Amino acid sequence: MEGNAIRREIVDVCRRLAAARLVAATDGNVSARTGEGTILVTRSGVAKGEVTEADIVELAPDGARRGGSGEPSTEIGMHLFVYRERPDVHAVVHAHPPYATGFAAARVPLDRPLLPEVVLGLGAIPVAPYATPSTPEVAASIAPFVRQYNALLLANHGAVTWGDSPLDAYRRMEKVEHAAHIAFVAALLGGGRELTPAELEKLRAAAAAVAARRSGPPPYP
């Protein structure tokens, strides 16, 4: 995907985040890595529902400015760290979805196998230790998890997801919030009942069989 198309997709994802109430006002940030290796990221201080292509800053992989106006998101250090650690990742979304951020504030991971779609699509969603926002502490806090997972809760801070494209990372954020909402409701009803090891084995076997028929990789790590 070329740079202009990526910019448009970042804008679309920002609007989706705002419409789905996964962020409030100027919270959150979205970035993407271009085919040339540069990083496009939303600028600091702009409401995500109002982002335009003019609000996207272009950076070198080391964070040096290449273009755009305004300052890049104050969480750019976290984004750059993900790209350094995960060459396969091309987009990062950070948001404050209410239910998922509630779990993050309680420092409770979403790691119980309750929903087949989450087991297959995301797996466990751990909580990274608390780090002061907008500081190098954030990258250090996610370092133990970034290579193994595609979604994390940030203690008392929110959630972060990454993927093949801004839209892919956004969809993972939607799934994180949906999983958190359902886990919350299940807890109110006395606690969710986890899938058993035998049920998980059957689930993964069924997913692998479907993937094989489609001649593609299974939809889970």
Protein backbone atom coordinates (compact mmCIF):
# COMPACT_ATOMS: atom_id res chain seq x y z
CA MET A 1 0.00 0.00 0.00
CA GLU A 2 1.48 3.36 -0.99
CA GLY A 3 1.79 6.37 1.31
CA ASN A 4 -1.36 8.25 0.31
CA ALA A 5 -3.51 5.14 0.70
CA ILE A 6 -2.00 4.51 4.13
CA ARG A 7 -2.75 8.09 5.17
CA ARG A 8 -6.37 7.65 4.13
CA GLU A 9 -6.60 4.40 6.07
CA ILE A 10 -5.14 6.03 9.19
CA VAL A 11 -7.78 8.77 8.94
CA ASP A 12 -10.51 6.15 8.50
CA VAL A 13 -9.28 4.23 11.56
CA CYS A 14 -9.19 7.40 13.67
CA ARG A 15 -12.80 8.13 12.71
CA ARG A 16 -13.77 4.53 13.53
CA LEU A 17 -12.11 4.77 16.95
CA ALA A 18 -14.07 7.91 17.75
CA ALA A 19 -17.37 6.60 16.38
CA ALA A 20 -17.03 3.38 18.40
CA ARG A 21 -16.14 5.40 21.52
CA LEU A 22 -12.85 3.60 21.91
CA VAL A 23 -11.19 6.97 22.52
CA ALA A 24 -12.27 10.32 23.96
CA ALA A 25 -11.27 13.72 22.58
CA THR A 26 -7.54 13.77 21.76
CA ASP A 27 -6.77 10.40 23.38
CA GLY A 28 -5.17 7.57 21.45
CA ASN A 29 -2.84 7.38 18.46
CA VAL A 30 -2.47 5.46 15.21
CA SER A 31 0.63 4.77 13.15
CA ALA A 32 1.67 2.76 10.12
CA ARG A 33 4.93 1.69 8.49
CA THR A 34 5.18 2.38 4.77
CA GLY A 35 6.82 0.19 2.17
CA GLU A 36 9.79 2.56 2.22
CA GLY A 37 10.19 2.01 5.96
CA THR A 38 9.08 5.46 7.11
CA ILE A 39 6.50 5.82 9.88
CA LEU A 40 3.26 7.75 9.53
CA VAL A 41 1.67 8.73 12.85
CA THR A 42 -1.14 10.96 14.06
CA ARG A 43 0.02 14.25 15.49
CA SER A 44 -0.37 15.14 19.14
CA GLY A 45 -3.38 17.08 20.39
CA VAL A 46 -5.95 16.34 17.69
CA ALA A 47 -9.31 14.70 18.39
CA LYS A 48 -9.43 11.39 16.57
CA GLY A 49 -12.87 12.07 15.15
CA GLU A 50 -11.47 15.17 13.47
CA VAL A 51 -8.20 13.80 12.08
CA THR A 52 -7.37 14.64 8.47
CA GLU A 53 -4.42 13.65 6.30
CA ALA A 54 -2.81 16.97 7.24
CA ASP A 55 -2.66 15.72 10.85
CA ILE A 56 -0.30 12.86 10.00
CA VAL A 57 3.44 13.28 10.63
CA GLU A 58 6.07 11.32 8.71
CA LEU A 59 9.11 10.03 10.59
CA ALA A 60 12.23 8.04 9.88
CA PRO A 61 12.50 4.67 11.67
CA ASP A 62 14.64 6.36 14.33
CA GLY A 63 11.96 9.00 14.94
CA ALA A 64 13.56 11.84 12.98
CA ARG A 65 10.98 14.03 11.26
CA ARG A 66 10.56 13.57 7.51
CA GLY A 67 7.45 15.66 6.92
CA GLY A 68 4.13 16.94 8.20
CA SER A 69 3.19 19.67 10.65
CA GLY A 70 2.69 19.56 14.41
CA GLU A 71 4.31 17.19 16.86
CA PRO A 72 3.96 13.41 16.53
CA SER A 73 1.96 11.57 19.16
CA THR A 74 3.64 11.65 22.54
CA GLU A 75 3.45 7.84 22.51
CA ILE A 76 5.58 7.55 19.37
CA GLY A 77 8.32 5.82 21.37
CA MET A 78 6.02 2.87 22.00
CA HIS A 79 5.11 2.66 18.31
CA LEU A 80 8.74 2.78 17.16
CA PHE A 81 9.65 0.09 19.68
CA VAL A 82 6.96 -2.24 18.29
CA TYR A 83 8.23 -1.73 14.74
CA ARG A 84 11.81 -2.45 15.78
CA GLU A 85 10.83 -5.64 17.59
CA ARG A 86 8.29 -6.88 15.05
CA PRO A 87 9.39 -6.59 11.39
CA ASP A 88 6.10 -8.26 10.42
CA VAL A 89 4.00 -5.44 11.93
CA HIS A 90 2.89 -2.53 9.73
CA ALA A 91 0.47 -0.64 11.98
CA VAL A 92 -0.11 0.14 15.66
CA VAL A 93 -3.28 1.43 17.37
CA HIS A 94 -3.37 2.74 20.94
CA ALA A 95 -6.77 3.55 22.45
CA HIS A 96 -8.68 3.75 25.72
CA PRO A 97 -11.67 1.42 25.19
CA PRO A 98 -13.79 1.66 28.36
CA TYR A 99 -14.21 -2.00 29.31
CA ALA A 100 -10.70 -3.04 28.31
CA THR A 101 -9.26 -0.02 30.11
CA GLY A 102 -11.31 -0.99 33.16
CA PHE A 103 -9.53 -4.36 33.15
CA ALA A 104 -6.23 -2.51 32.64
CA ALA A 105 -6.98 -0.23 35.60
CA ALA A 106 -7.79 -3.27 37.73
CA ARG A 107 -4.66 -4.92 36.28
CA VAL A 108 -6.66 -7.99 35.33
CA PRO A 109 -5.56 -9.70 32.09
CA LEU A 110 -7.98 -11.01 29.52
CA ASP A 111 -6.33 -14.39 29.47
CA ARG A 112 -9.17 -16.80 30.26
CA PRO A 113 -10.37 -18.92 27.31
CA LEU A 114 -14.02 -17.83 27.28
CA LEU A 115 -14.75 -17.04 23.63
CA PRO A 116 -13.71 -19.18 20.66
CA GLU A 117 -13.30 -16.12 18.42
CA VAL A 118 -10.88 -14.50 20.86
CA VAL A 119 -8.95 -17.71 21.44
CA LEU A 120 -8.42 -18.11 17.70
CA GLY A 121 -8.13 -14.44 16.73
CA LEU A 122 -6.04 -13.00 19.54
CA GLY A 123 -5.21 -15.53 22.21
CA ALA A 124 -4.43 -14.28 25.71
CA ILE A 125 -4.29 -10.51 26.26
CA PRO A 126 -1.86 -9.80 29.13
CA VAL A 127 -1.43 -6.61 31.17
CA ALA A 128 1.88 -4.78 30.80
CA PRO A 129 3.16 -3.20 34.04
CA TYR A 130 2.28 0.42 34.71
CA ALA A 131 4.50 2.95 32.97
CA THR A 132 4.31 6.74 32.96
CA PRO A 133 2.60 7.68 29.67
CA SER A 134 4.69 9.41 27.01
CA THR A 135 7.99 8.24 28.51
CA PRO A 136 10.48 5.49 27.57
CA GLU A 137 8.98 3.49 30.45
CA VAL A 138 6.09 2.50 28.16
CA ALA A 139 8.32 0.71 25.63
CA ALA A 140 10.17 -1.01 28.48
CA SER A 141 6.87 -2.16 30.01
CA ILE A 142 5.70 -3.91 26.83
CA ALA A 143 9.11 -5.40 25.98
CA PRO A 144 8.42 -8.81 27.59
CA PHE A 145 5.21 -9.23 25.56
CA VAL A 146 5.62 -7.56 22.18
CA ARG A 147 7.08 -10.51 20.28
CA GLN A 148 4.53 -13.05 21.50
CA TYR A 149 1.24 -11.13 21.45
CA ASN A 150 -0.72 -8.87 19.11
CA ALA A 151 -2.76 -7.10 21.78
CA LEU A 152 -1.88 -5.82 25.24
CA LEU A 153 -3.57 -4.01 28.09
CA LEU A 154 -1.47 -1.16 29.50
CA ALA A 155 -1.91 -0.97 33.28
CA ASN A 156 -4.04 2.09 34.18
CA HIS A 157 -3.57 3.41 30.65
CA GLY A 158 -5.53 1.61 27.94
CA ALA A 159 -4.79 -0.94 25.26
CA VAL A 160 -2.52 -1.32 22.25
CA THR A 161 -2.83 -3.58 19.23
CA TRP A 162 -0.82 -4.08 16.07
CA GLY A 163 -1.24 -5.80 12.74
CA ASP A 164 -0.72 -5.88 8.98
CA SER A 165 -2.46 -2.55 8.38
CA PRO A 166 -4.17 0.23 10.34
CA LEU A 167 -7.53 -1.45 9.72
CA ASP A 168 -6.22 -4.82 10.87
CA ALA A 169 -4.86 -3.29 14.09
CA TYR A 170 -8.16 -1.43 14.60
CA ARG A 171 -10.19 -4.63 14.22
CA ARG A 172 -8.04 -6.24 16.89
CA MET A 173 -8.78 -3.29 19.16
CA GLU A 174 -12.50 -3.81 18.56
CA LYS A 175 -12.10 -7.47 19.47
CA VAL A 176 -10.21 -6.61 22.67
CA GLU A 177 -13.02 -4.30 23.79
CA HIS A 178 -15.70 -6.81 22.85
CA ALA A 179 -13.91 -9.55 24.82
CA ALA A 180 -13.57 -7.26 27.84
CA HIS A 181 -17.25 -6.30 27.72
CA ILE A 182 -18.35 -9.92 27.61
CA ALA A 183 -15.92 -10.92 30.39
CA PHE A 184 -17.34 -8.09 32.52
CA VAL A 185 -20.94 -9.22 31.94
CA ALA A 186 -20.00 -12.85 32.64
CA ALA A 187 -18.42 -11.77 35.93
CA LEU A 188 -21.66 -10.04 36.92
CA LEU A 189 -23.49 -13.29 36.26
CA GLY A 190 -21.25 -15.24 38.58
CA GLY A 191 -18.18 -15.73 36.43
CA GLY A 192 -17.52 -17.03 32.94
CA ARG A 193 -16.94 -20.75 32.49
CA GLU A 194 -13.72 -21.40 30.63
CA LEU A 195 -13.44 -23.72 27.67
CA THR A 196 -11.85 -26.99 28.77
CA PRO A 197 -8.52 -28.24 27.36
CA ALA A 198 -10.46 -30.81 25.33
CA GLU A 199 -12.78 -28.12 23.95
CA LEU A 200 -9.81 -25.93 23.07
CA GLU A 201 -8.10 -28.82 21.27
CA LYS A 202 -11.24 -29.50 19.21
CA LEU A 203 -11.61 -25.79 18.46
CA ARG A 204 -8.07 -25.43 17.15
CA ALA A 205 -8.36 -28.63 15.12
CA ALA A 206 -11.58 -27.39 13.52
CA ALA A 207 -9.99 -24.02 12.71
CA ALA A 208 -6.93 -25.72 11.21
CA ALA A 209 -9.16 -27.90 9.04
CA VAL A 210 -11.05 -24.86 7.74
CA ALA A 211 -7.77 -23.06 7.03
CA ALA A 212 -6.39 -26.08 5.19
CA ARG A 213 -9.46 -26.19 2.94
CA ARG A 214 -8.87 -22.52 2.15
CA SER A 215 -5.18 -23.18 1.46
CA GLY A 216 -4.15 -20.57 4.03
CA PRO A 217 -2.50 -20.52 7.44
CA PRO A 218 -4.64 -21.20 10.52
CA PRO A 219 -6.15 -18.01 12.01
CA TYR A 220 -4.22 -18.19 15.25
CA PRO A 221 -0.56 -17.90 16.27
